[in-house]
Amino acid sequence: MSESQGSNDPRIVLLGPPGAGKGTQSANIEERFGVPHVTTGDALRANRDVETEHGTPREYMEEGELVPDPVVNEIVAEALSNTQGFVLDGYPRNVDQAEYLAEMTAVDVVPFLQVGEEELVRRLTGRRVCPDCGANYHVEFDAPDEEGVCDECGAELTQREDDSEDVVRERIRVYEENTEPVVTHYRESGELIEVDGEQSPEEVWEKLREAIDAAI
């Protein structure tokens, strides 16, 4: 098995709360197994004008409304239609979507990155961005050379509104309310693999890779 492509194209649903590291690990999966990283947000943006019987994603996105399940389902189905394997990030968000996915395609493994609330808050509230050039930092894990100042252009770094503690805790609450039933669904089906997401990114990746290799 080569480092860039496995003998099979795994079909992976990666679950975890905001700040658990799904983006980092999805990139690792994409590189290691040669399967596309499919996120709900990217799929909706790429297909915002696709007509469904419930309208286009654009109509809901421009109004700031949650895109209904039937529209999301159709867009994800379109995104998966031309690939044998994938790593899904941000879908399914509820049990109805999980059941739709099961009708659409088989899933090999569902890793769940477990991270406690206080660690999630520490990770998310520590993020800082440069309003001028867009560079990203973290006060603990990726601090700029001079505190509060962008290394790239010298602008003063800011905290995004949705990275404030109150907003972060609300995001975690909403995630738990909506997505915990999905975790339970996959645990009961035997597809869930629980991974300690509070380890280093390298340690998390080692456990993830082992779980995926075992599943395929």
Protein backbone atom coordinates (compact mmCIF):
# COMPACT_ATOMS: atom_id res chain seq x y z
CA MET A 1 0.00 0.00 0.00
CA SER A 2 1.57 3.29 -1.06
CA GLU A 3 1.70 6.40 1.10
CA SER A 4 -0.62 8.33 -1.25
CA GLN A 5 -3.24 5.76 -2.15
CA GLY A 6 -4.70 2.73 -0.41
CA SER A 7 -5.75 -0.47 -2.12
CA ASN A 8 -9.35 0.66 -1.74
CA ASP A 9 -11.03 4.05 -1.76
CA PRO A 10 -12.41 4.37 1.79
CA ARG A 11 -15.80 5.97 2.42
CA ILE A 12 -15.44 7.90 5.66
CA VAL A 13 -17.79 10.06 7.72
CA LEU A 14 -15.69 12.15 10.11
CA LEU A 15 -17.59 13.39 13.16
CA GLY A 16 -16.54 15.83 15.87
CA PRO A 17 -17.48 19.16 17.44
CA PRO A 18 -16.23 22.56 16.25
CA GLY A 19 -12.52 22.79 17.06
CA ALA A 20 -11.96 19.03 17.20
CA GLY A 21 -9.53 19.12 14.26
CA LYS A 22 -11.72 17.66 11.51
CA GLY A 23 -10.21 19.94 8.87
CA THR A 24 -6.64 18.93 9.73
CA GLN A 25 -7.44 15.22 9.82
CA SER A 26 -9.57 15.35 6.66
CA ALA A 27 -6.57 16.82 4.84
CA ASN A 28 -4.43 13.94 6.14
CA ILE A 29 -7.02 11.40 4.94
CA GLU A 30 -7.26 13.09 1.55
CA GLU A 31 -3.47 12.92 1.10
CA ARG A 32 -2.98 9.41 2.47
CA PHE A 33 -5.87 7.65 0.75
CA GLY A 34 -6.38 9.83 -2.33
CA VAL A 35 -10.08 10.48 -1.69
CA PRO A 36 -11.77 13.90 -1.88
CA HIS A 37 -12.62 15.91 1.24
CA VAL A 38 -16.30 16.80 0.91
CA THR A 39 -17.71 19.42 3.28
CA THR A 40 -21.35 20.47 3.31
CA GLY A 41 -20.41 24.14 3.07
CA ASP A 42 -18.12 23.67 0.08
CA ALA A 43 -20.67 21.43 -1.67
CA LEU A 44 -23.44 23.98 -1.16
CA ARG A 45 -21.29 26.87 -2.38
CA ALA A 46 -20.14 24.92 -5.44
CA ASN A 47 -23.74 23.97 -6.31
CA ARG A 48 -25.58 27.03 -5.02
CA ASP A 49 -27.63 27.40 -8.22
CA VAL A 50 -28.61 23.75 -8.62
CA GLU A 51 -32.39 23.52 -8.93
CA THR A 52 -34.17 21.14 -6.57
CA GLU A 53 -37.88 20.73 -5.90
CA HIS A 54 -37.28 22.81 -2.76
CA GLY A 55 -35.44 25.63 -4.54
CA THR A 56 -31.71 26.38 -4.87
CA PRO A 57 -29.19 26.53 -2.01
CA ARG A 58 -28.53 30.17 -2.94
CA GLU A 59 -32.08 31.19 -1.99
CA TYR A 60 -31.57 29.98 1.58
CA MET A 61 -27.93 31.04 1.94
CA GLU A 62 -28.62 34.62 0.84
CA GLU A 63 -31.41 34.86 3.42
CA GLY A 64 -29.14 33.45 6.11
CA GLU A 65 -31.50 30.53 6.59
CA LEU A 66 -30.62 26.91 7.28
CA VAL A 67 -30.66 24.96 4.02
CA PRO A 68 -33.39 22.28 4.35
CA ASP A 69 -32.43 18.62 4.57
CA PRO A 70 -33.82 17.65 1.14
CA VAL A 71 -31.70 20.32 -0.56
CA VAL A 72 -28.57 19.39 1.39
CA ASN A 73 -29.16 15.71 0.64
CA GLU A 74 -29.40 16.34 -3.11
CA ILE A 75 -26.26 18.49 -3.12
CA VAL A 76 -24.25 15.91 -1.17
CA ALA A 77 -25.51 13.16 -3.49
CA GLU A 78 -24.28 15.22 -6.44
CA ALA A 79 -20.89 15.78 -4.78
CA LEU A 80 -20.46 12.03 -4.18
CA SER A 81 -21.78 10.90 -7.56
CA ASN A 82 -18.40 10.97 -9.32
CA THR A 83 -16.17 9.53 -6.62
CA GLN A 84 -15.59 6.01 -5.33
CA GLY A 85 -14.30 7.12 -1.93
CA PHE A 86 -14.61 10.23 0.20
CA VAL A 87 -14.18 11.80 3.60
CA LEU A 88 -17.39 13.59 4.57
CA ASP A 89 -17.05 16.49 7.01
CA GLY A 90 -20.17 18.29 8.27
CA TYR A 91 -22.65 15.71 6.99
CA PRO A 92 -24.79 14.04 8.18
CA ARG A 93 -25.93 16.57 10.80
CA ASN A 94 -28.98 14.61 11.94
CA VAL A 95 -30.30 11.05 11.88
CA ASP A 96 -32.56 11.69 8.86
CA GLN A 97 -29.49 12.73 6.86
CA ALA A 98 -27.60 9.67 8.12
CA GLU A 99 -30.40 7.42 6.92
CA TYR A 100 -30.46 9.17 3.54
CA LEU A 101 -26.68 8.69 3.24
CA ALA A 102 -27.07 4.98 4.00
CA GLU A 103 -29.53 4.68 1.10
CA MET A 104 -27.13 6.58 -1.15
CA THR A 105 -23.87 4.74 -0.43
CA ALA A 106 -22.20 2.37 1.99
CA VAL A 107 -19.87 3.83 4.62
CA ASP A 108 -16.72 2.00 5.73
CA VAL A 109 -15.96 3.77 9.00
CA VAL A 110 -17.20 6.70 11.09
CA PRO A 111 -14.38 8.14 13.24
CA PHE A 112 -15.56 10.41 16.06
CA LEU A 113 -13.01 12.90 17.41
CA GLN A 114 -13.77 13.28 21.12
CA VAL A 115 -12.71 16.58 22.69
CA GLY A 116 -14.00 18.04 25.97
CA GLU A 117 -15.81 21.38 26.04
CA GLU A 118 -13.10 23.30 27.91
CA GLU A 119 -10.43 22.17 25.45
CA LEU A 120 -12.67 23.16 22.53
CA VAL A 121 -13.20 26.59 24.07
CA ARG A 122 -9.44 26.99 24.57
CA ARG A 123 -8.75 26.09 20.95
CA LEU A 124 -11.47 28.23 19.39
CA THR A 125 -11.26 31.37 21.53
CA GLY A 126 -7.49 31.51 21.00
CA ARG A 127 -7.74 32.01 17.25
CA ARG A 128 -6.69 35.38 15.84
CA VAL A 129 -6.90 36.67 12.26
CA CYS A 130 -5.30 39.49 10.34
CA PRO A 131 -8.01 41.80 8.94
CA ASP A 132 -5.66 43.00 6.20
CA CYS A 133 -3.97 39.92 4.71
CA GLY A 134 -6.10 37.11 6.19
CA ALA A 135 -3.27 35.29 8.00
CA ASN A 136 -4.40 33.05 10.88
CA TYR A 137 -2.77 32.57 14.29
CA HIS A 138 -3.46 31.07 17.70
CA VAL A 139 -2.38 32.66 20.96
CA GLU A 140 -1.04 29.31 22.25
CA PHE A 141 -0.41 26.99 19.34
CA ASP A 142 0.68 29.34 16.55
CA ALA A 143 1.47 32.72 18.09
CA PRO A 144 2.88 35.61 16.02
CA ASP A 145 6.44 36.79 16.72
CA GLU A 146 5.05 39.94 18.36
CA GLU A 147 1.90 39.53 20.43
CA GLY A 148 -1.18 40.82 18.62
CA VAL A 149 0.71 41.81 15.46
CA CYS A 150 0.63 40.00 12.10
CA ASP A 151 4.00 38.58 11.04
CA GLU A 152 3.12 39.02 7.38
CA CYS A 153 1.97 42.64 7.17
CA GLY A 154 2.22 44.19 10.63
CA ALA A 155 -1.51 44.79 11.07
CA GLU A 156 -3.18 44.40 14.46
CA LEU A 157 -4.72 40.95 14.86
CA THR A 158 -8.39 40.57 15.76
CA GLN A 159 -10.67 37.90 17.18
CA ARG A 160 -13.61 36.93 14.99
CA GLU A 161 -16.98 37.47 16.60
CA ASP A 162 -17.85 33.79 16.31
CA ASP A 163 -14.68 32.91 18.24
CA SER A 164 -15.78 34.76 21.39
CA GLU A 165 -16.37 32.49 24.38
CA ASP A 166 -20.15 33.01 24.54
CA VAL A 167 -20.56 32.24 20.83
CA VAL A 168 -18.19 29.25 21.00
CA ARG A 169 -20.11 27.70 23.90
CA GLU A 170 -23.39 28.21 22.03
CA ARG A 171 -21.92 26.57 18.91
CA ILE A 172 -20.87 23.58 21.02
CA ARG A 173 -24.34 23.39 22.62
CA VAL A 174 -26.05 23.46 19.21
CA TYR A 175 -23.64 20.82 17.91
CA GLU A 176 -24.35 18.51 20.85
CA GLU A 177 -28.10 19.00 20.55
CA ASN A 178 -28.18 18.27 16.83
CA THR A 179 -25.34 15.85 16.27
CA GLU A 180 -25.17 13.67 19.37
CA PRO A 181 -28.08 11.56 18.02
CA VAL A 182 -25.95 10.95 14.90
CA VAL A 183 -23.07 9.73 17.09
CA THR A 184 -25.49 7.41 18.90
CA HIS A 185 -26.89 6.21 15.55
CA TYR A 186 -23.46 5.17 14.26
CA ARG A 187 -22.41 3.75 17.63
CA GLU A 188 -25.45 1.48 17.62
CA SER A 189 -24.79 0.45 14.00
CA GLY A 190 -21.24 -0.57 14.92
CA GLU A 191 -19.60 1.83 12.44
CA LEU A 192 -18.38 4.38 15.00
CA ILE A 193 -14.70 4.49 16.00
CA GLU A 194 -14.03 6.80 18.96
CA VAL A 195 -10.70 8.65 18.84
CA ASP A 196 -9.24 10.80 21.61
CA GLY A 197 -9.07 14.18 19.86
CA GLU A 198 -7.22 15.83 22.75
CA GLN A 199 -3.98 14.11 21.77
CA SER A 200 -1.48 15.84 19.50
CA PRO A 201 -2.55 16.07 15.82
CA GLU A 202 0.13 13.48 14.98
CA GLU A 203 -1.18 11.03 17.60
CA VAL A 204 -4.78 11.57 16.46
CA TRP A 205 -3.76 10.91 12.87
CA GLU A 206 -1.97 7.67 13.83
CA LYS A 207 -5.13 6.32 15.49
CA LEU A 208 -7.31 7.49 12.60
CA ARG A 209 -5.08 5.88 9.99
CA GLU A 210 -5.08 2.60 11.90
CA ALA A 211 -8.88 2.64 12.15
CA ILE A 212 -9.33 3.34 8.44
CA ASP A 213 -6.79 0.71 7.40
CA ALA A 214 -8.60 -1.86 9.57
CA ALA A 215 -11.96 -0.94 8.05
CA ILE A 216 -10.92 -1.33 4.43
